[in-house]
Protein backbone atom coordinates (compact mmCIF):
# COMPACT_ATOMS: atom_id res chain seq x y z
CA MET A 1 -8.42 27.81 19.27
CA GLU A 2 -6.73 24.49 18.60
CA SER A 3 -5.59 24.19 22.21
CA SER A 4 -9.05 24.90 23.63
CA ASP A 5 -10.61 22.37 21.25
CA SER A 6 -8.08 19.76 22.35
CA ILE A 7 -8.65 20.42 26.04
CA ALA A 8 -12.41 20.18 25.51
CA GLU A 9 -12.06 16.92 23.64
CA THR A 10 -9.75 15.38 26.25
CA SER A 11 -12.08 16.45 29.07
CA SER A 12 -15.04 15.15 27.11
CA LEU A 13 -13.37 11.77 26.65
CA ALA A 14 -12.58 11.56 30.35
CA ALA A 15 -16.20 12.42 31.17
CA LEU A 16 -17.47 9.87 28.69
CA THR A 17 -15.55 7.03 30.25
CA ARG A 18 -17.07 7.89 33.66
CA THR A 19 -20.64 7.36 32.40
CA ARG A 20 -22.47 4.22 31.39
CA SER A 21 -23.10 5.50 27.86
CA GLY A 22 -19.50 6.65 27.62
CA LEU A 23 -18.22 3.24 28.63
CA ALA A 24 -20.49 1.68 26.02
CA LEU A 25 -19.00 4.02 23.41
CA VAL A 26 -15.46 3.01 24.36
CA LEU A 27 -16.41 -0.66 24.21
CA LEU A 28 -18.05 -0.11 20.81
CA SER A 29 -14.81 1.48 19.57
CA LEU A 30 -12.85 -1.56 20.73
CA VAL A 31 -15.35 -3.85 18.98
CA ILE A 32 -14.91 -1.91 15.73
CA ILE A 33 -11.12 -2.10 16.06
CA GLY A 34 -11.45 -5.83 16.70
CA LEU A 35 -13.59 -6.09 13.57
CA GLY A 36 -10.84 -4.30 11.65
CA VAL A 37 -8.31 -6.84 12.91
CA ALA A 38 -10.63 -9.65 11.81
CA PHE A 39 -10.98 -8.13 8.33
CA ARG A 40 -7.20 -8.20 8.01
CA LEU A 41 -7.13 -11.92 8.77
CA VAL A 42 -10.25 -13.30 7.11
CA ASN A 43 -9.68 -15.24 3.87
CA ILE A 44 -6.05 -14.11 3.81
CA ASP A 45 -5.06 -17.39 2.17
CA LYS A 46 -7.96 -17.32 -0.31
CA LYS A 47 -6.95 -14.13 -2.13
CA LEU A 48 -5.17 -14.49 -5.44
CA TYR A 49 -1.40 -14.31 -4.94
CA TRP A 50 -0.91 -11.81 -7.71
CA HIS A 51 1.92 -10.73 -10.01
CA ASP A 52 3.68 -8.31 -7.62
CA GLU A 53 3.41 -10.67 -4.67
CA THR A 54 5.11 -13.47 -6.60
CA TYR A 55 8.02 -11.09 -7.12
CA THR A 56 8.14 -10.57 -3.35
CA SER A 57 8.63 -14.32 -2.92
CA LEU A 58 11.11 -14.40 -5.80
CA ARG A 59 13.27 -11.60 -4.36
CA ALA A 60 12.98 -12.65 -0.70
CA SER A 61 14.04 -16.19 -1.59
CA GLY A 62 17.14 -14.79 -3.31
CA HIS A 63 16.28 -15.78 -6.89
CA THR A 64 16.38 -13.53 -9.95
CA ALA A 65 14.00 -13.32 -12.90
CA GLU A 66 16.98 -13.92 -15.18
CA GLU A 67 17.66 -17.20 -13.39
CA VAL A 68 14.04 -18.37 -13.73
CA ILE A 69 13.84 -17.45 -17.42
CA ALA A 70 17.10 -19.22 -18.22
CA GLN A 71 16.01 -22.40 -16.46
CA VAL A 72 12.32 -22.75 -17.36
CA PHE A 73 11.62 -20.67 -20.49
CA ASN A 74 13.33 -23.28 -22.67
CA GLY A 75 10.40 -24.90 -24.46
CA GLN A 76 10.45 -28.05 -22.32
CA GLU A 77 7.39 -29.37 -20.55
CA ILE A 78 7.50 -28.67 -16.83
CA SER A 79 5.25 -29.18 -13.81
CA ILE A 80 3.88 -26.71 -11.28
CA ALA A 81 6.49 -27.91 -8.76
CA ASP A 82 9.26 -26.87 -11.17
CA LEU A 83 8.01 -23.29 -10.92
CA GLN A 84 7.15 -23.25 -7.24
CA LYS A 85 10.74 -23.86 -6.18
CA TYR A 86 11.46 -20.24 -7.17
CA GLN A 87 8.85 -19.11 -4.66
CA ARG A 88 10.30 -21.03 -1.74
CA ILE A 89 13.13 -20.33 0.66
CA ASN A 90 16.36 -21.70 -0.75
CA HIS A 91 18.90 -22.23 2.03
CA GLU A 92 21.70 -22.01 -0.51
CA LYS A 93 20.74 -18.36 -0.92
CA ALA A 94 21.40 -15.69 1.68
CA ILE A 95 20.30 -12.13 2.49
CA LYS A 96 22.94 -10.79 0.11
CA ASP A 97 21.25 -12.69 -2.73
CA THR A 98 17.97 -10.92 -1.93
CA ILE A 99 19.73 -7.55 -2.04
CA VAL A 100 21.61 -8.41 -5.25
CA SER A 101 18.39 -9.61 -6.90
CA LEU A 102 16.71 -6.28 -6.14
CA GLY A 103 19.71 -4.16 -7.05
CA LYS A 104 20.19 -5.95 -10.35
CA GLU A 105 16.58 -6.24 -11.53
CA ASP A 106 14.24 -4.27 -9.26
CA SER A 107 16.13 -1.33 -7.76
CA GLU A 108 12.98 0.84 -7.67
CA HIS A 109 12.06 -1.30 -4.66
CA PRO A 110 14.53 -0.71 -1.79
CA PRO A 111 15.42 -3.81 0.23
CA LEU A 112 14.10 -3.27 3.77
CA TYR A 113 10.75 -5.00 3.34
CA PHE A 114 12.25 -7.87 1.34
CA ILE A 115 14.91 -8.51 3.97
CA LEU A 116 12.20 -8.60 6.65
CA ALA A 117 10.14 -10.90 4.41
CA ARG A 118 13.06 -13.29 4.04
CA PHE A 119 13.51 -13.59 7.80
CA TRP A 120 9.74 -13.97 8.17
CA MET A 121 9.67 -16.77 5.59
CA GLN A 122 12.50 -18.55 7.39
CA TRP A 123 10.67 -18.37 10.72
CA PHE A 124 7.01 -18.86 9.73
CA GLY A 125 7.03 -20.48 6.30
CA ASP A 126 6.82 -19.32 2.72
CA SER A 127 3.14 -19.89 1.94
CA PRO A 128 1.09 -16.85 0.81
CA LYS A 129 -0.71 -16.88 4.17
CA ALA A 130 2.56 -16.81 6.10
CA ILE A 131 4.14 -14.08 3.99
CA ARG A 132 1.03 -11.89 4.05
CA SER A 133 0.89 -12.15 7.84
CA LEU A 134 3.96 -9.89 7.94
CA SER A 135 1.90 -7.16 6.26
CA VAL A 136 -0.92 -7.80 8.73
CA LEU A 137 1.50 -7.25 11.61
CA MET A 138 2.81 -4.03 10.05
CA SER A 139 -0.75 -2.82 9.54
CA LEU A 140 -1.61 -3.50 13.19
CA LEU A 141 1.50 -1.61 14.31
CA ALA A 142 0.06 1.38 12.45
CA PHE A 143 -2.71 1.64 15.10
CA PRO A 144 -0.50 2.69 18.05
CA SER A 145 1.66 4.72 15.65
CA LEU A 146 -1.39 6.69 14.50
CA PHE A 147 -2.57 7.10 18.10
CA TRP A 148 0.81 8.59 19.05
CA LEU A 149 0.83 10.90 16.01
CA CYS A 150 -2.63 12.23 16.92
CA LEU A 151 -1.50 12.94 20.47
CA GLU A 152 1.53 14.84 19.16
CA LEU A 153 -0.38 16.75 16.47
CA PHE A 154 -3.74 17.45 18.14
CA ARG A 155 -3.05 16.85 21.86
CA SER A 156 -6.35 14.98 21.87
CA ARG A 157 -7.01 11.41 22.94
CA MET A 158 -10.48 11.52 21.45
CA THR A 159 -9.07 12.40 18.03
CA ALA A 160 -6.59 9.56 18.44
CA TRP A 161 -9.36 7.05 19.19
CA VAL A 162 -11.52 8.23 16.28
CA ALA A 163 -8.53 8.05 13.92
CA VAL A 164 -7.67 4.49 14.96
CA VAL A 165 -11.31 3.39 14.62
CA LEU A 166 -11.46 4.85 11.09
CA MET A 167 -8.17 3.25 10.10
CA SER A 168 -9.18 -0.13 11.51
CA VAL A 169 -12.04 -0.43 9.00
CA SER A 170 -10.44 1.60 6.21
CA PRO A 171 -10.94 -0.38 2.95
CA PHE A 172 -7.59 0.74 1.57
CA HIS A 173 -5.56 -0.20 4.63
CA VAL A 174 -7.35 -3.54 4.99
CA LEU A 175 -6.67 -4.41 1.33
CA PHE A 176 -2.96 -3.72 1.58
CA ALA A 177 -2.68 -5.39 4.99
CA GLN A 178 -3.42 -8.61 3.09
CA GLU A 179 -0.84 -8.04 0.38
CA ALA A 180 2.72 -9.35 0.50
CA ARG A 181 4.22 -5.99 -0.41
CA GLN A 182 5.85 -3.11 1.43
CA TYR A 183 2.89 -0.70 1.67
CA SER A 184 1.77 -1.50 5.23
CA LEU A 185 5.38 -1.16 6.35
CA MET A 186 5.61 2.22 4.62
CA THR A 187 2.34 3.35 6.23
CA THR A 188 3.62 2.57 9.72
CA ILE A 189 6.97 4.26 9.11
CA VAL A 190 5.26 7.41 7.78
CA LEU A 191 3.21 7.59 10.98
CA ILE A 192 6.14 6.90 13.33
CA SER A 193 8.51 9.31 11.58
CA SER A 194 5.84 12.03 11.67
CA ALA A 195 5.18 11.49 15.38
CA VAL A 196 8.90 11.54 16.13
CA LEU A 197 9.29 14.75 14.10
CA LEU A 198 6.59 16.51 16.11
CA ARG A 199 8.10 15.33 19.39
CA ALA A 200 11.59 16.41 18.30
CA ARG A 201 10.23 19.82 17.27
CA ARG A 202 9.13 20.60 20.82
CA SER A 203 11.79 18.65 22.75
CA PRO A 204 15.25 20.18 23.09
CA GLY A 205 18.27 17.97 22.61
CA THR A 206 19.38 15.42 20.07
CA PRO A 207 17.86 12.00 21.02
CA PHE A 208 14.58 12.51 19.13
CA TRP A 209 16.37 13.98 16.12
CA VAL A 210 18.61 10.90 16.03
CA LEU A 211 15.48 8.73 16.22
CA TYR A 212 13.90 10.81 13.46
CA SER A 213 16.94 10.29 11.24
CA LEU A 214 16.69 6.53 11.82
CA THR A 215 12.97 6.45 10.96
CA VAL A 216 13.57 8.46 7.78
CA THR A 217 16.34 6.05 6.80
CA ALA A 218 13.94 3.15 7.35
CA GLY A 219 11.31 4.98 5.32
CA LEU A 220 13.64 5.54 2.38
CA TYR A 221 14.68 1.89 2.46
CA SER A 222 11.00 0.86 2.47
CA HIS A 223 9.86 2.89 -0.57
CA LEU A 224 11.42 5.51 -2.83
CA PHE A 225 8.36 7.75 -2.56
CA PHE A 226 9.07 8.22 1.13
CA VAL A 227 11.22 11.10 -0.10
CA PHE A 228 7.95 13.03 -0.60
CA VAL A 229 7.19 12.54 3.11
CA LEU A 230 10.63 13.90 3.97
CA ILE A 231 9.97 16.95 1.78
CA SER A 232 6.54 17.45 3.37
CA HIS A 233 8.14 17.45 6.82
CA ALA A 234 10.63 20.10 5.69
CA LEU A 235 7.83 22.26 4.22
CA PHE A 236 5.81 21.95 7.41
CA LEU A 237 8.72 23.07 9.57
CA LEU A 238 9.51 25.91 7.16
CA VAL A 239 5.97 27.25 7.50
CA ASP A 240 5.84 26.55 11.23
CA GLU A 241 9.09 28.45 11.78
CA ASN A 242 7.83 31.39 9.66
CA PHE A 243 10.49 30.76 7.01
CA ARG A 244 13.31 31.52 9.46
CA LEU A 245 16.44 29.41 9.71
CA SER A 246 15.77 28.26 13.27
CA LYS A 247 17.42 25.61 15.40
CA VAL A 248 14.55 23.24 14.59
CA LEU A 249 15.05 23.66 10.84
CA LEU A 250 18.78 23.23 11.21
CA ALA A 251 18.32 20.06 13.29
CA HIS A 252 15.89 18.70 10.70
CA GLY A 253 18.36 19.45 7.92
CA ILE A 254 21.16 17.60 9.72
CA ALA A 255 18.92 14.61 10.52
CA SER A 256 17.68 14.46 6.91
CA PHE A 257 21.19 14.70 5.52
CA ALA A 258 22.31 11.84 7.78
CA ALA A 259 19.38 9.73 6.56
CA LEU A 260 20.15 10.47 2.91
CA LEU A 261 23.79 9.64 3.55
CA ALA A 262 22.74 6.28 5.01
CA PHE A 263 20.57 5.75 1.92
CA SER A 264 23.35 6.72 -0.50
CA PRO A 265 24.40 3.11 -1.31
CA TRP A 266 20.95 2.53 -2.78
CA ILE A 267 21.04 5.90 -4.56
CA ILE A 268 24.19 4.68 -6.32
CA THR A 269 22.41 1.41 -7.16
CA LEU A 270 19.52 3.42 -8.65
CA ALA A 271 21.90 5.48 -10.76
CA ILE A 272 23.60 2.36 -12.14
CA ASP A 273 20.26 0.68 -12.85
CA PHE A 274 18.48 3.80 -14.14
CA GLN A 275 17.95 2.74 -17.77
CA ARG A 276 16.53 -0.66 -16.86
CA MET A 277 14.34 0.93 -14.21
CA GLN A 278 12.89 3.37 -16.74
CA ALA A 279 12.14 0.57 -19.19
CA ALA A 280 10.54 -1.59 -16.49
CA ASN A 281 8.22 1.24 -15.45
CA GLU A 282 7.00 2.26 -18.90
CA TRP A 283 3.47 1.43 -17.73
CA ALA A 284 3.57 4.56 -15.54
CA TYR A 285 3.92 6.75 -18.66
CA ALA A 286 0.83 5.37 -20.43
CA GLN A 287 -1.15 8.10 -22.18
CA VAL A 288 -4.67 8.36 -20.80
CA SER A 289 -7.44 10.93 -20.97
CA PHE A 290 -7.93 13.64 -18.37
CA SER A 291 -11.36 12.18 -17.55
CA TYR A 292 -9.69 8.82 -16.77
CA LEU A 293 -7.34 10.53 -14.31
CA VAL A 294 -10.19 12.41 -12.63
CA GLU A 295 -12.15 9.17 -12.30
CA LYS A 296 -9.15 7.47 -10.69
CA TRP A 297 -8.47 10.43 -8.39
CA ILE A 298 -12.03 10.29 -7.08
CA LEU A 299 -11.76 6.53 -6.55
CA ASN A 300 -8.34 6.80 -4.89
CA PHE A 301 -8.97 9.75 -2.58
CA SER A 302 -12.19 8.20 -1.29
CA SER A 303 -10.69 4.71 -0.84
CA PRO A 304 -9.61 5.28 2.79
CA PHE A 305 -13.32 5.49 3.63
CA LEU A 306 -15.28 3.74 0.87
CA ASP A 307 -14.52 1.10 -1.75
CA SER A 308 -17.27 -0.70 -3.64
CA GLY A 309 -14.89 -2.19 -6.19
CA GLY A 310 -16.93 -0.76 -9.07
CA TYR A 311 -18.58 2.31 -10.53
CA SER A 312 -22.18 3.48 -10.25
CA LEU A 313 -23.81 6.89 -9.87
CA PRO A 314 -24.79 6.46 -6.18
CA ILE A 315 -21.31 5.21 -5.27
CA TYR A 316 -19.75 8.01 -7.33
CA LEU A 317 -21.77 10.61 -5.39
CA LEU A 318 -20.78 9.01 -2.09
CA GLN A 319 -17.11 9.08 -3.10
CA ILE A 320 -17.35 12.78 -3.94
CA SER A 321 -19.03 13.43 -0.59
CA MET A 322 -16.08 11.74 1.17
CA ILE A 323 -13.65 14.01 -0.68
CA LEU A 324 -15.74 17.10 0.17
CA LEU A 325 -15.78 16.04 3.83
CA THR A 326 -11.98 15.78 3.74
CA ALA A 327 -11.71 19.24 2.16
CA TYR A 328 -14.03 20.70 4.82
CA SER A 329 -12.06 19.05 7.61
CA LEU A 330 -8.85 20.59 6.27
CA TYR A 331 -10.55 24.00 6.14
CA ARG A 332 -11.57 23.69 9.79
CA LEU A 333 -8.08 22.80 11.00
CA ARG A 334 -5.83 25.36 12.66
CA ARG A 335 -2.07 25.69 12.61
CA PRO A 336 0.12 23.77 13.09
CA ALA A 337 -2.17 20.79 12.38
CA ARG A 338 -3.42 22.29 9.10
CA SER A 339 0.04 23.00 7.72
CA PHE A 340 1.24 19.52 8.71
CA THR A 341 -1.66 17.60 7.13
CA LEU A 342 -1.74 19.82 4.03
CA ALA A 343 2.00 19.32 3.52
CA LEU A 344 1.59 15.55 3.90
CA ILE A 345 -1.24 15.47 1.34
CA VAL A 346 -0.15 18.10 -1.17
CA THR A 347 3.52 17.15 -1.53
CA THR A 348 2.87 13.59 -2.69
CA ALA A 349 -0.27 14.51 -4.65
CA PHE A 350 1.42 17.28 -6.63
CA ALA A 351 4.60 15.27 -7.18
CA LEU A 352 2.54 12.58 -8.92
CA MET A 353 -0.28 14.62 -10.47
CA LEU A 354 1.73 17.37 -12.16
CA PRO A 355 3.88 15.04 -14.32
CA ASP A 356 0.73 13.15 -15.33
CA LEU A 357 -0.96 16.38 -16.38
CA ILE A 358 2.08 17.85 -18.13
CA SER A 359 3.64 14.89 -19.93
CA GLY A 360 1.07 12.14 -19.44
CA GLY A 361 1.10 9.04 -17.28
CA VAL A 362 -0.78 7.18 -14.59
CA ARG A 363 1.43 7.72 -11.53
CA SER A 364 -1.30 9.59 -9.66
CA ALA A 365 -3.87 6.99 -10.73
CA THR A 366 -1.96 4.31 -8.80
CA ALA A 367 -3.57 4.12 -5.37
CA ARG A 368 -0.64 2.57 -3.50
CA PHE A 369 1.58 5.57 -4.35
CA LEU A 370 -0.73 7.96 -2.47
CA ILE A 371 -0.43 6.55 1.06
CA PRO A 372 0.77 9.84 2.67
CA CYS A 373 -2.25 11.61 1.13
CA TYR A 374 -4.64 9.08 2.66
CA LEU A 375 -3.03 9.40 6.08
CA GLY A 376 -3.29 13.19 5.96
CA ALA A 377 -6.96 12.95 4.98
CA GLN A 378 -7.72 10.48 7.78
CA LEU A 379 -5.97 12.65 10.36
CA SER A 380 -7.96 15.69 9.31
CA VAL A 381 -11.34 13.93 9.17
CA ALA A 382 -10.73 12.22 12.52
CA HIS A 383 -10.04 15.56 14.19
CA LEU A 384 -13.14 17.13 12.65
CA LEU A 385 -15.33 14.29 13.92
CA ALA A 386 -13.74 14.29 17.38
CA SER A 387 -14.16 18.05 17.80
CA ARG A 388 -17.78 17.99 16.60
CA LEU A 389 -18.66 15.02 18.81
CA SER A 390 -17.33 17.07 21.74
CA SER A 391 -19.49 20.08 20.90
CA GLY A 392 -21.93 21.28 23.54
CA ASP A 393 -24.70 21.72 20.95
CA LEU A 394 -26.92 18.60 21.22
CA TRP A 395 -28.33 18.90 17.67
CA ARG A 396 -24.86 19.25 16.13
CA LYS A 397 -23.65 16.29 18.18
CA ARG A 398 -26.42 14.14 16.75
CA VAL A 399 -25.63 15.21 13.20
CA TRP A 400 -21.93 14.44 13.57
CA LYS A 401 -22.65 11.16 15.35
CA ALA A 402 -24.65 10.21 12.26
CA VAL A 403 -21.78 11.27 9.97
CA THR A 404 -19.31 9.25 12.05
CA ALA A 405 -21.59 6.21 12.03
CA MET A 406 -22.01 6.45 8.24
CA LEU A 407 -18.25 6.65 7.71
CA ILE A 408 -17.69 3.59 9.89
CA MET A 409 -20.52 1.71 8.17
CA ALA A 410 -19.08 2.60 4.75
CA GLY A 411 -15.76 1.10 5.81
CA VAL A 412 -17.33 -2.01 7.34
CA LEU A 413 -19.53 -2.68 4.29
CA SER A 414 -16.61 -2.08 1.91
CA CYS A 415 -14.38 -4.48 3.84
CA SER A 416 -17.19 -7.05 4.07
CA ILE A 417 -17.58 -7.07 0.29
CA SER A 418 -13.87 -7.12 -0.60
CA SER A 419 -13.08 -9.76 2.05
CA GLN A 420 -15.20 -12.29 0.17
CA ALA A 421 -13.68 -11.57 -3.24
CA GLU A 422 -10.81 -13.62 -4.63
CA THR A 423 -9.52 -10.62 -6.56
CA TRP A 424 -9.99 -6.87 -6.21
CA TRP A 425 -8.78 -3.77 -8.04
CA ASN A 426 -5.46 -3.83 -6.16
CA LYS A 427 -4.58 -7.10 -7.94
CA ASP A 428 -4.30 -4.98 -11.09
CA THR A 429 -2.80 -7.01 -13.97
CA SER A 430 -3.71 -10.37 -12.39
CA ARG A 431 -7.43 -9.74 -11.86
CA VAL A 432 -8.48 -11.83 -14.86
CA ASN A 433 -6.27 -14.77 -13.87
CA ALA A 434 -8.94 -16.21 -11.58
CA GLU A 435 -11.24 -16.63 -14.59
CA VAL A 436 -8.40 -18.13 -16.63
CA VAL A 437 -7.72 -20.69 -13.90
CA SER A 438 -11.33 -21.84 -13.70
CA ILE A 439 -11.30 -22.58 -17.44
CA ILE A 440 -7.97 -24.43 -17.39
CA ASN A 441 -8.79 -26.51 -14.32
CA ARG A 442 -11.97 -27.82 -15.95
CA SER A 443 -9.92 -29.43 -18.71
CA VAL A 444 -9.14 -33.16 -18.50
CA SER A 445 -5.52 -33.11 -19.67
CA PRO A 446 -4.44 -29.55 -20.41
CA LEU A 447 -1.22 -27.99 -21.69
CA LEU A 448 -0.64 -24.33 -20.87
CA ILE A 449 1.84 -22.43 -23.04
CA PHE A 450 3.45 -19.15 -22.02
CA ILE A 451 5.28 -17.17 -24.67
CA ASP A 452 7.79 -14.43 -23.85
CA PRO A 453 8.44 -13.80 -20.13
CA TYR A 454 8.25 -10.03 -20.68
CA PRO A 455 6.75 -7.68 -19.75
CA SER A 456 4.51 -9.44 -17.22
CA ASN A 457 4.13 -13.07 -18.27
CA LEU A 458 6.73 -14.30 -15.78
CA GLY A 459 4.73 -12.86 -12.89
CA ASP A 460 1.54 -14.28 -14.37
CA VAL A 461 2.90 -17.80 -14.72
CA LEU A 462 4.16 -17.66 -11.13
CA THR A 463 0.71 -16.45 -10.03
CA LEU A 464 -1.01 -19.30 -11.84
CA SER A 465 1.38 -21.82 -10.28
CA TYR A 466 -0.43 -21.22 -6.96
CA VAL A 467 -3.92 -21.95 -8.23
CA ILE A 468 -3.89 -24.24 -11.27
CA ASP A 469 -4.27 -27.97 -10.79
CA PRO A 470 -0.95 -29.85 -10.35
CA ARG A 471 -1.87 -32.10 -13.29
CA VAL A 472 -1.63 -29.13 -15.70
CA ARG A 473 1.55 -29.27 -17.75
CA LEU A 474 3.38 -26.11 -18.74
CA ARG A 475 5.56 -25.16 -21.66
CA LEU A 476 7.36 -21.83 -21.44
CA VAL A 477 9.13 -20.38 -24.47
CA GLU A 478 10.88 -17.07 -25.07
CA GLN A 479 10.27 -16.85 -28.83
CA PRO A 480 6.88 -17.32 -30.58
CA ASN A 481 8.50 -19.16 -33.51
CA ARG A 482 9.67 -21.91 -31.14
CA VAL A 483 6.18 -22.97 -30.08
CA GLU A 484 5.64 -26.71 -30.45
CA ILE A 485 2.35 -28.33 -29.51
CA SER A 486 2.65 -31.98 -28.52
CA GLU A 487 -0.09 -34.55 -28.94
CA GLY A 488 -1.81 -36.28 -26.05
CA PHE A 489 -3.46 -33.23 -24.48
CA SER A 490 -7.20 -32.71 -24.37
CA ASP A 491 -6.80 -28.93 -24.58
CA VAL A 492 -3.96 -26.53 -25.32
CA PHE A 493 -4.12 -23.03 -23.86
CA LEU A 494 -1.94 -20.09 -24.91
CA PHE A 495 -1.60 -17.40 -22.28
CA ASN A 496 -1.61 -13.83 -23.57
CA PRO A 497 -0.50 -14.70 -27.14
CA THR A 498 0.66 -11.96 -29.49
CA GLU A 499 -1.51 -10.90 -32.43
CA GLU A 500 1.14 -12.32 -34.76
CA LEU A 501 0.99 -15.74 -33.11
CA GLN A 502 -2.80 -15.77 -33.07
CA GLN A 503 -2.81 -15.08 -36.80
CA LYS A 504 -0.24 -17.82 -37.39
CA LEU A 505 -2.34 -20.38 -35.49
CA ARG A 506 -5.45 -19.46 -37.48
CA GLU A 507 -3.68 -20.24 -40.77
């Protein structure tokens, strides 16, 4: 059934391109893809350079948080320029300093993206616009990677085109294409490694398995949660081979072992840094209600198609309809495509959801951790749309054309709204900083005091250093009892003060 569908779709696509209306449809697809590229570039330098992105610049430039705290959290007045030097390329630092910085203070983030970012900063500059352009490039590389994966999985060019069109205006992928973090890189590697796996599965010999091992190694060095993708690939092959120890399973096992062996230096780093890593990620264990998780799951699993940035009943119903469409598309799939996409979605989803449900936490509420799930959903929906658009039934074609148009419009409208916003939900802890800045910058002669660089104040002060007026003076102190307020300032602002300090100042 899958093969006949694919042949029909491929023939349909060929027929389409030979007609005037078909050519118009192809051109429209290219226009939508071009619009997606534009969304990735528009206002890229206007978005708030938030907490996590400042740590990208910090690590890529070879500095450590310990170094910054020791040199600026000393109670002395400093300028914006004194902070910004820790966000700039320092030619006294080298690649090894970037790796050491991560291994010592941020080992949960493997070094591949940060090494690439350092080279990028050296070649194109270290402004937010320049650094984010690396993520834009990685996001654009996802287009041909997705096209290839669709050809391998569905044997259908029409599915491949629909998938790329949907990804081009996907609100989630556009958001993270404009963020100086590793998520666009991870997305592309997930797609490439999956395509290589499917090619290796049907191609005898070792070259593609060697390539697969290399892509898995790159994936592990891009994000720790790539291990869930590796597991999903193993589960897919296990089902596809009817739970028999075949040559394909054996080859996959050898390739995976080689990749894990190549990743072993960072595994050792993780083991050494385990206690610090647990403490730094306490936020992931926050106790929240089940209703909060469900709300976030609905928001997250609809974000590849729709993102309004807020909550309302009509939007909520639309989000649920997107999830139901994904579920229906999975139901309509046939093996091996169904087992592949289900494995890609379920492995990561369960790995994050089950701990949250059993012991509490917000791992599964964090959208950027669910990238493999989104890719699986987009693959499935794209194939459903492509197969229905190829149907001989005119009425059904019209219905599914309308569904396809609505999905594309949802993505375009979502991207149009978020592209004009200075902050969005993906800025997380830094979303309120834009409001803080507008208040501080209105002051005539302000002093801004930061107290305690932990747990997030260091990232916040680095974020503010990009947007507050250069005339603002800063005083950074580690201990609340060392706060001294000098005279000569029109206004004194305390950023995120403790309850104890607020009470002390009221007395």
